[in-house]
Amino acid sequence: MGSSSVTVTTPTTLCAAALLLLVLGTAVAPCSAQAVVTIEEACRMAASGSGGVAYDHCVASLASDARSRDAADLHRLAALAARIAVEHAAATEAKIEGLGEASQQLSAALGAAESCEDVWKGEEHVPVATHDREYGRMALVTLGLTSGIA
């Protein structure tokens, strides 16, 4: 018998893929040559044009990624922001999968929690909250940069 493979697609994966396709589609669309912009200029534009984009977070996130050296226009910076957001989404998904396994073990051991929500309800520190928040922030940066491409 041959082995079969099952692919599980979660809402996080679907959202991340849709965001990446949107930005990459815009990034490779035929248009006039893009002017060279710095990360600071691009983030200033994104923060002023889109509610929710924090200038300092935008600059820190893009500048800390080595790939930003090759991203000198809004198209490339928006594509990079999308990639960073997708990477955060994938990391969050991996953590959730790990927590799911841990939750199953805890449920079996304690006979308690029915779902992840029930396990973490009322807790101040939820292990994937930071990753999830970072994905959302990078998605906003991506949208802010994309709106600057005309």
N, C-alpha and C. Protein backbone atom coordinates (compact mmCIF):
# COMPACT_ATOMS: atom_id res chain seq x y z
N MET A 1 0.85 -1.18 0.00
CA MET A 1 0.00 0.00 0.00
C MET A 1 0.89 1.23 0.00
N GLY A 2 0.49 2.22 -0.79
CA GLY A 2 1.26 3.46 -0.84
C GLY A 2 0.90 4.35 0.33
N SER A 3 1.80 5.21 0.69
CA SER A 3 1.51 6.12 1.80
C SER A 3 0.76 7.32 1.25
N SER A 4 -0.16 7.83 2.04
CA SER A 4 -0.90 9.01 1.62
C SER A 4 -0.54 10.15 2.54
N SER A 5 -0.70 11.33 2.03
CA SER A 5 -0.35 12.52 2.78
C SER A 5 -1.58 13.39 2.91
N VAL A 6 -1.77 13.95 4.07
CA VAL A 6 -2.91 14.83 4.32
C VAL A 6 -2.37 16.22 4.61
N THR A 7 -2.88 17.21 3.90
CA THR A 7 -2.47 18.58 4.13
C THR A 7 -3.60 19.28 4.86
N VAL A 8 -3.28 19.90 5.98
CA VAL A 8 -4.26 20.62 6.76
C VAL A 8 -4.06 22.10 6.50
N THR A 9 -5.09 22.76 6.04
CA THR A 9 -5.02 24.18 5.77
C THR A 9 -5.83 24.90 6.83
N THR A 10 -5.15 25.73 7.60
CA THR A 10 -5.81 26.46 8.67
C THR A 10 -6.17 27.86 8.19
N PRO A 11 -7.07 28.55 8.89
CA PRO A 11 -7.39 29.94 8.52
C PRO A 11 -6.15 30.83 8.51
N THR A 12 -5.22 30.61 9.43
CA THR A 12 -4.00 31.39 9.47
C THR A 12 -3.21 31.21 8.18
N THR A 13 -3.08 29.97 7.72
CA THR A 13 -2.36 29.68 6.49
C THR A 13 -3.05 30.33 5.30
N LEU A 14 -4.37 30.23 5.24
CA LEU A 14 -5.11 30.81 4.12
C LEU A 14 -4.97 32.33 4.10
N CYS A 15 -5.07 32.98 5.26
CA CYS A 15 -4.92 34.44 5.32
C CYS A 15 -3.52 34.86 4.90
N ALA A 16 -2.53 34.15 5.38
CA ALA A 16 -1.15 34.48 5.04
C ALA A 16 -0.90 34.31 3.55
N ALA A 17 -1.41 33.23 2.97
CA ALA A 17 -1.23 32.99 1.54
C ALA A 17 -1.94 34.06 0.71
N ALA A 18 -3.15 34.44 1.11
CA ALA A 18 -3.89 35.47 0.38
C ALA A 18 -3.16 36.80 0.44
N LEU A 19 -2.63 37.15 1.60
CA LEU A 19 -1.89 38.39 1.74
C LEU A 19 -0.65 38.38 0.87
N LEU A 20 0.08 37.29 0.87
CA LEU A 20 1.29 37.20 0.06
C LEU A 20 0.95 37.29 -1.42
N LEU A 21 -0.09 36.60 -1.88
CA LEU A 21 -0.49 36.67 -3.28
C LEU A 21 -0.90 38.08 -3.68
N LEU A 22 -1.64 38.76 -2.82
CA LEU A 22 -2.06 40.12 -3.10
C LEU A 22 -0.86 41.03 -3.28
N VAL A 23 0.07 40.98 -2.35
CA VAL A 23 1.22 41.87 -2.41
C VAL A 23 2.16 41.49 -3.54
N LEU A 24 2.43 40.21 -3.71
CA LEU A 24 3.32 39.81 -4.78
C LEU A 24 2.71 40.08 -6.15
N GLY A 25 1.41 39.95 -6.26
CA GLY A 25 0.73 40.28 -7.51
C GLY A 25 0.88 41.75 -7.83
N THR A 26 0.76 42.59 -6.83
CA THR A 26 0.96 44.02 -7.00
C THR A 26 2.42 44.33 -7.29
N ALA A 27 3.31 43.60 -6.63
CA ALA A 27 4.74 43.87 -6.76
C ALA A 27 5.27 43.54 -8.15
N VAL A 28 4.67 42.58 -8.83
CA VAL A 28 5.17 42.22 -10.15
C VAL A 28 4.30 42.74 -11.27
N ALA A 29 3.26 43.51 -10.93
CA ALA A 29 2.40 44.07 -11.96
C ALA A 29 3.18 45.06 -12.80
N PRO A 30 2.93 45.06 -14.12
CA PRO A 30 3.65 46.00 -14.97
C PRO A 30 3.28 47.43 -14.60
N CYS A 31 4.27 48.26 -14.41
CA CYS A 31 4.04 49.66 -14.09
C CYS A 31 5.33 50.42 -14.37
N SER A 32 5.26 51.69 -14.20
CA SER A 32 6.46 52.49 -14.43
C SER A 32 7.48 52.16 -13.36
N ALA A 33 8.73 52.52 -13.63
CA ALA A 33 9.81 52.22 -12.69
C ALA A 33 9.52 52.89 -11.36
N GLN A 34 9.74 52.15 -10.29
CA GLN A 34 9.51 52.68 -8.95
C GLN A 34 10.72 53.50 -8.50
N ALA A 35 10.42 54.59 -7.85
CA ALA A 35 11.49 55.42 -7.31
C ALA A 35 12.12 54.71 -6.12
N VAL A 36 13.40 54.92 -5.96
CA VAL A 36 14.11 54.34 -4.82
C VAL A 36 13.65 55.08 -3.57
N VAL A 37 13.32 54.32 -2.54
CA VAL A 37 12.92 54.90 -1.26
C VAL A 37 13.66 54.16 -0.14
N THR A 38 13.89 54.87 0.92
CA THR A 38 14.50 54.24 2.09
C THR A 38 13.39 53.58 2.91
N ILE A 39 13.80 52.72 3.81
CA ILE A 39 12.83 52.09 4.71
C ILE A 39 12.11 53.16 5.52
N GLU A 40 12.85 54.14 5.98
CA GLU A 40 12.26 55.21 6.79
C GLU A 40 11.19 55.97 6.00
N GLU A 41 11.51 56.31 4.73
CA GLU A 41 10.53 57.02 3.90
C GLU A 41 9.29 56.17 3.66
N ALA A 42 9.50 54.91 3.35
CA ALA A 42 8.38 54.01 3.08
C ALA A 42 7.51 53.85 4.33
N CYS A 43 8.14 53.69 5.48
CA CYS A 43 7.38 53.51 6.72
C CYS A 43 6.67 54.80 7.13
N ARG A 44 7.29 55.93 6.88
CA ARG A 44 6.64 57.21 7.17
C ARG A 44 5.37 57.33 6.32
N MET A 45 5.49 56.98 5.03
CA MET A 45 4.34 57.02 4.13
C MET A 45 3.25 56.04 4.58
N ALA A 46 3.66 54.82 4.94
CA ALA A 46 2.69 53.81 5.37
C ALA A 46 1.99 54.23 6.66
N ALA A 47 2.75 54.80 7.59
CA ALA A 47 2.17 55.21 8.88
C ALA A 47 1.22 56.39 8.71
N SER A 48 1.53 57.28 7.79
CA SER A 48 0.66 58.45 7.61
C SER A 48 -0.57 58.11 6.77
N GLY A 49 -0.48 57.09 5.94
CA GLY A 49 -1.60 56.77 5.06
C GLY A 49 -2.50 55.67 5.54
N SER A 50 -2.08 54.91 6.51
CA SER A 50 -2.87 53.76 6.95
C SER A 50 -2.94 53.72 8.46
N GLY A 51 -4.14 53.77 8.98
CA GLY A 51 -4.31 53.67 10.42
C GLY A 51 -3.81 52.33 10.93
N GLY A 52 -3.11 52.36 12.01
CA GLY A 52 -2.66 51.11 12.62
C GLY A 52 -1.22 50.77 12.34
N VAL A 53 -0.57 51.44 11.37
CA VAL A 53 0.84 51.17 11.10
C VAL A 53 1.67 52.04 12.02
N ALA A 54 2.45 51.41 12.87
CA ALA A 54 3.34 52.12 13.78
C ALA A 54 4.68 52.31 13.09
N TYR A 55 5.07 53.57 12.91
CA TYR A 55 6.31 53.89 12.20
C TYR A 55 7.51 53.15 12.78
N ASP A 56 7.71 53.22 14.10
CA ASP A 56 8.87 52.59 14.72
C ASP A 56 8.89 51.08 14.49
N HIS A 57 7.73 50.45 14.61
CA HIS A 57 7.64 49.00 14.38
C HIS A 57 7.94 48.66 12.92
N CYS A 58 7.42 49.44 12.01
CA CYS A 58 7.66 49.24 10.57
C CYS A 58 9.15 49.30 10.27
N VAL A 59 9.80 50.37 10.73
CA VAL A 59 11.24 50.54 10.48
C VAL A 59 12.04 49.41 11.13
N ALA A 60 11.75 49.11 12.38
CA ALA A 60 12.51 48.08 13.10
C ALA A 60 12.35 46.72 12.43
N SER A 61 11.13 46.39 12.03
CA SER A 61 10.89 45.07 11.42
C SER A 61 11.58 44.93 10.07
N LEU A 62 11.45 45.94 9.23
CA LEU A 62 12.06 45.85 7.90
C LEU A 62 13.58 45.97 7.97
N ALA A 63 14.08 46.89 8.78
CA ALA A 63 15.53 47.11 8.86
C ALA A 63 16.26 45.92 9.48
N SER A 64 15.59 45.18 10.35
CA SER A 64 16.25 44.05 11.01
C SER A 64 16.34 42.82 10.11
N ASP A 65 15.67 42.84 8.98
CA ASP A 65 15.69 41.71 8.05
C ASP A 65 16.75 41.96 6.98
N ALA A 66 17.68 41.03 6.84
CA ALA A 66 18.79 41.18 5.88
C ALA A 66 18.29 41.35 4.45
N ARG A 67 17.12 40.83 4.15
CA ARG A 67 16.58 40.94 2.78
C ARG A 67 16.23 42.37 2.42
N SER A 68 16.14 43.26 3.40
CA SER A 68 15.78 44.65 3.12
C SER A 68 16.87 45.38 2.35
N ARG A 69 18.08 44.87 2.38
CA ARG A 69 19.16 45.50 1.61
C ARG A 69 18.87 45.48 0.12
N ASP A 70 18.13 44.48 -0.34
CA ASP A 70 17.80 44.35 -1.76
C ASP A 70 16.45 44.96 -2.10
N ALA A 71 15.78 45.53 -1.12
CA ALA A 71 14.44 46.10 -1.33
C ALA A 71 14.55 47.62 -1.29
N ALA A 72 14.66 48.23 -2.47
CA ALA A 72 14.90 49.66 -2.51
C ALA A 72 13.71 50.47 -3.04
N ASP A 73 12.57 49.82 -3.27
CA ASP A 73 11.39 50.56 -3.70
C ASP A 73 10.17 50.02 -2.96
N LEU A 74 9.06 50.70 -3.11
CA LEU A 74 7.85 50.31 -2.37
C LEU A 74 7.38 48.91 -2.71
N HIS A 75 7.48 48.52 -3.98
CA HIS A 75 7.06 47.16 -4.36
C HIS A 75 7.85 46.12 -3.58
N ARG A 76 9.15 46.26 -3.58
CA ARG A 76 9.99 45.26 -2.90
C ARG A 76 9.82 45.30 -1.38
N LEU A 77 9.68 46.50 -0.84
CA LEU A 77 9.47 46.60 0.61
C LEU A 77 8.11 46.01 1.02
N ALA A 78 7.08 46.24 0.20
CA ALA A 78 5.76 45.66 0.50
C ALA A 78 5.83 44.14 0.40
N ALA A 79 6.52 43.62 -0.61
CA ALA A 79 6.67 42.16 -0.74
C ALA A 79 7.44 41.59 0.45
N LEU A 80 8.48 42.30 0.90
CA LEU A 80 9.24 41.84 2.06
C LEU A 80 8.36 41.86 3.31
N ALA A 81 7.59 42.92 3.51
CA ALA A 81 6.70 42.98 4.67
C ALA A 81 5.70 41.82 4.64
N ALA A 82 5.21 41.48 3.45
CA ALA A 82 4.28 40.35 3.33
C ALA A 82 4.98 39.05 3.70
N ARG A 83 6.21 38.87 3.23
CA ARG A 83 6.95 37.65 3.57
C ARG A 83 7.19 37.54 5.08
N ILE A 84 7.53 38.67 5.70
CA ILE A 84 7.75 38.67 7.15
C ILE A 84 6.44 38.31 7.86
N ALA A 85 5.33 38.89 7.40
CA ALA A 85 4.03 38.58 8.01
C ALA A 85 3.70 37.10 7.86
N VAL A 86 3.94 36.56 6.68
CA VAL A 86 3.67 35.13 6.44
C VAL A 86 4.55 34.27 7.33
N GLU A 87 5.82 34.64 7.48
CA GLU A 87 6.72 33.88 8.35
C GLU A 87 6.21 33.90 9.79
N HIS A 88 5.71 35.06 10.25
CA HIS A 88 5.15 35.13 11.60
C HIS A 88 3.91 34.26 11.71
N ALA A 89 3.08 34.27 10.67
CA ALA A 89 1.88 33.43 10.68
C ALA A 89 2.25 31.95 10.74
N ALA A 90 3.27 31.57 9.96
CA ALA A 90 3.70 30.17 9.97
C ALA A 90 4.27 29.78 11.34
N ALA A 91 5.03 30.69 11.94
CA ALA A 91 5.58 30.41 13.28
C ALA A 91 4.46 30.29 14.31
N THR A 92 3.45 31.15 14.18
CA THR A 92 2.31 31.07 15.09
C THR A 92 1.59 29.75 14.91
N GLU A 93 1.39 29.36 13.66
CA GLU A 93 0.71 28.09 13.39
C GLU A 93 1.49 26.92 13.98
N ALA A 94 2.81 26.95 13.84
CA ALA A 94 3.63 25.87 14.40
C ALA A 94 3.49 25.83 15.92
N LYS A 95 3.48 27.01 16.55
CA LYS A 95 3.31 27.04 18.01
C LYS A 95 1.94 26.52 18.41
N ILE A 96 0.92 26.88 17.63
CA ILE A 96 -0.43 26.41 17.93
C ILE A 96 -0.50 24.90 17.82
N GLU A 97 0.14 24.35 16.78
CA GLU A 97 0.15 22.89 16.64
C GLU A 97 0.81 22.24 17.85
N GLY A 98 1.94 22.83 18.29
CA GLY A 98 2.61 22.30 19.48
C GLY A 98 1.74 22.41 20.71
N LEU A 99 1.03 23.54 20.85
CA LEU A 99 0.13 23.71 21.98
C LEU A 99 -1.04 22.75 21.89
N GLY A 100 -1.48 22.49 20.65
CA GLY A 100 -2.57 21.54 20.47
C GLY A 100 -2.19 20.16 20.99
N GLU A 101 -0.97 19.75 20.67
CA GLU A 101 -0.49 18.45 21.17
C GLU A 101 -0.39 18.47 22.69
N ALA A 102 0.15 19.58 23.22
CA ALA A 102 0.26 19.69 24.68
C ALA A 102 -1.12 19.72 25.31
N SER A 103 -2.05 20.43 24.66
CA SER A 103 -3.41 20.50 25.18
C SER A 103 -4.07 19.13 25.21
N GLN A 104 -3.84 18.34 24.17
CA GLN A 104 -4.39 16.98 24.13
C GLN A 104 -3.84 16.15 25.27
N GLN A 105 -2.54 16.29 25.52
CA GLN A 105 -1.93 15.55 26.61
C GLN A 105 -2.49 16.00 27.96
N LEU A 106 -2.64 17.31 28.10
CA LEU A 106 -3.21 17.82 29.36
C LEU A 106 -4.66 17.36 29.53
N SER A 107 -5.42 17.43 28.44
CA SER A 107 -6.82 17.01 28.51
C SER A 107 -6.92 15.55 28.90
N ALA A 108 -6.06 14.74 28.30
CA ALA A 108 -6.08 13.31 28.62
C ALA A 108 -5.69 13.10 30.09
N ALA A 109 -4.70 13.86 30.54
CA ALA A 109 -4.22 13.68 31.91
C ALA A 109 -5.22 14.22 32.93
N LEU A 110 -5.84 15.35 32.61
CA LEU A 110 -6.72 16.00 33.58
C LEU A 110 -8.20 15.79 33.29
N GLY A 111 -8.52 15.34 32.08
CA GLY A 111 -9.91 15.17 31.71
C GLY A 111 -10.67 16.49 31.69
N ALA A 112 -9.94 17.60 31.40
CA ALA A 112 -10.58 18.90 31.48
C ALA A 112 -10.80 19.53 30.11
N ALA A 113 -10.02 20.51 29.81
CA ALA A 113 -10.20 21.46 28.70
C ALA A 113 -10.76 20.86 27.41
N GLU A 114 -11.82 21.49 26.94
CA GLU A 114 -12.47 21.02 25.71
C GLU A 114 -11.83 21.64 24.47
N SER A 115 -11.23 22.81 24.59
CA SER A 115 -10.64 23.47 23.42
C SER A 115 -9.51 24.38 23.88
N CYS A 116 -8.77 24.88 22.92
CA CYS A 116 -7.67 25.80 23.22
C CYS A 116 -8.22 27.04 23.94
N GLU A 117 -9.37 27.53 23.46
CA GLU A 117 -9.97 28.70 24.08
C GLU A 117 -10.25 28.44 25.55
N ASP A 118 -10.81 27.28 25.85
CA ASP A 118 -11.12 26.95 27.24
C ASP A 118 -9.85 26.84 28.09
N VAL A 119 -8.79 26.31 27.48
CA VAL A 119 -7.54 26.14 28.22
C VAL A 119 -6.98 27.49 28.64
N TRP A 120 -7.03 28.49 27.74
CA TRP A 120 -6.36 29.75 28.01
C TRP A 120 -7.30 30.87 28.46
N LYS A 121 -8.59 30.59 28.57
CA LYS A 121 -9.56 31.61 28.97
C LYS A 121 -9.18 32.18 30.33
N GLY A 122 -9.11 33.51 30.39
CA GLY A 122 -8.81 34.17 31.66
C GLY A 122 -7.33 34.28 31.97
N GLU A 123 -6.47 33.67 31.17
CA GLU A 123 -5.04 33.74 31.42
C GLU A 123 -4.48 35.06 30.89
N GLU A 124 -3.53 35.62 31.59
CA GLU A 124 -2.89 36.85 31.13
C GLU A 124 -1.84 36.57 30.07
N HIS A 125 -1.14 35.44 30.18
CA HIS A 125 -0.06 35.13 29.25
C HIS A 125 -0.46 33.93 28.38
N VAL A 126 -0.80 34.23 27.12
CA VAL A 126 -1.15 33.17 26.17
C VAL A 126 0.06 33.02 25.25
N PRO A 127 0.65 31.82 25.17
CA PRO A 127 1.91 31.62 24.46
C PRO A 127 1.94 32.11 23.01
N VAL A 128 0.87 32.01 22.25
CA VAL A 128 0.93 32.42 20.85
C VAL A 128 0.43 33.85 20.63
N ALA A 129 0.01 34.52 21.65
CA ALA A 129 -0.56 35.86 21.49
C ALA A 129 0.45 36.82 20.87
N THR A 130 1.70 36.77 21.27
CA THR A 130 2.71 37.67 20.74
C THR A 130 2.92 37.41 19.25
N HIS A 131 3.03 36.15 18.87
CA HIS A 131 3.20 35.82 17.45
C HIS A 131 2.00 36.28 16.64
N ASP A 132 0.81 36.05 17.16
CA ASP A 132 -0.40 36.43 16.45
C ASP A 132 -0.47 37.95 16.30
N ARG A 133 -0.14 38.67 17.35
CA ARG A 133 -0.14 40.13 17.32
C ARG A 133 0.88 40.63 16.30
N GLU A 134 2.07 40.02 16.26
CA GLU A 134 3.12 40.43 15.33
C GLU A 134 2.68 40.20 13.89
N TYR A 135 2.01 39.08 13.62
CA TYR A 135 1.49 38.83 12.27
C TYR A 135 0.53 39.95 11.88
N GLY A 136 -0.37 40.30 12.77
CA GLY A 136 -1.33 41.37 12.48
C GLY A 136 -0.65 42.70 12.22
N ARG A 137 0.35 43.01 13.00
CA ARG A 137 1.09 44.27 12.82
C ARG A 137 1.83 44.28 11.48
N MET A 138 2.44 43.15 11.11
CA MET A 138 3.16 43.10 9.83
C MET A 138 2.17 43.13 8.65
N ALA A 139 1.00 42.56 8.82
CA ALA A 139 -0.01 42.64 7.77
C ALA A 139 -0.42 44.10 7.55
N LEU A 140 -0.56 44.86 8.64
CA LEU A 140 -0.87 46.29 8.52
C LEU A 140 0.25 47.04 7.82
N VAL A 141 1.50 46.73 8.15
CA VAL A 141 2.64 47.37 7.48
C VAL A 141 2.57 47.07 5.98
N THR A 142 2.31 45.83 5.63
CA THR A 142 2.22 45.43 4.23
C THR A 142 1.13 46.22 3.52
N LEU A 143 -0.03 46.32 4.12
CA LEU A 143 -1.13 47.07 3.50
C LEU A 143 -0.79 48.55 3.38
N GLY A 144 -0.13 49.09 4.40
CA GLY A 144 0.27 50.49 4.35
C GLY A 144 1.26 50.76 3.23
N LEU A 145 2.23 49.88 3.07
CA LEU A 145 3.21 50.04 1.99
C LEU A 145 2.55 49.85 0.64
N THR A 146 1.66 48.90 0.54
CA THR A 146 0.98 48.63 -0.73
C THR A 146 0.12 49.82 -1.15
N SER A 147 -0.50 50.49 -0.20
CA SER A 147 -1.35 51.63 -0.55
C SER A 147 -0.52 52.78 -1.11
N GLY A 148 0.78 52.80 -0.84
CA GLY A 148 1.66 53.83 -1.39
C GLY A 148 2.08 53.57 -2.82
N ILE A 149 1.77 52.40 -3.34
CA ILE A 149 2.13 52.07 -4.72
C ILE A 149 0.98 52.50 -5.62
N ALA A 150 1.25 53.42 -6.48
CA ALA A 150 0.16 53.90 -7.36
C ALA A 150 0.49 53.66 -8.81
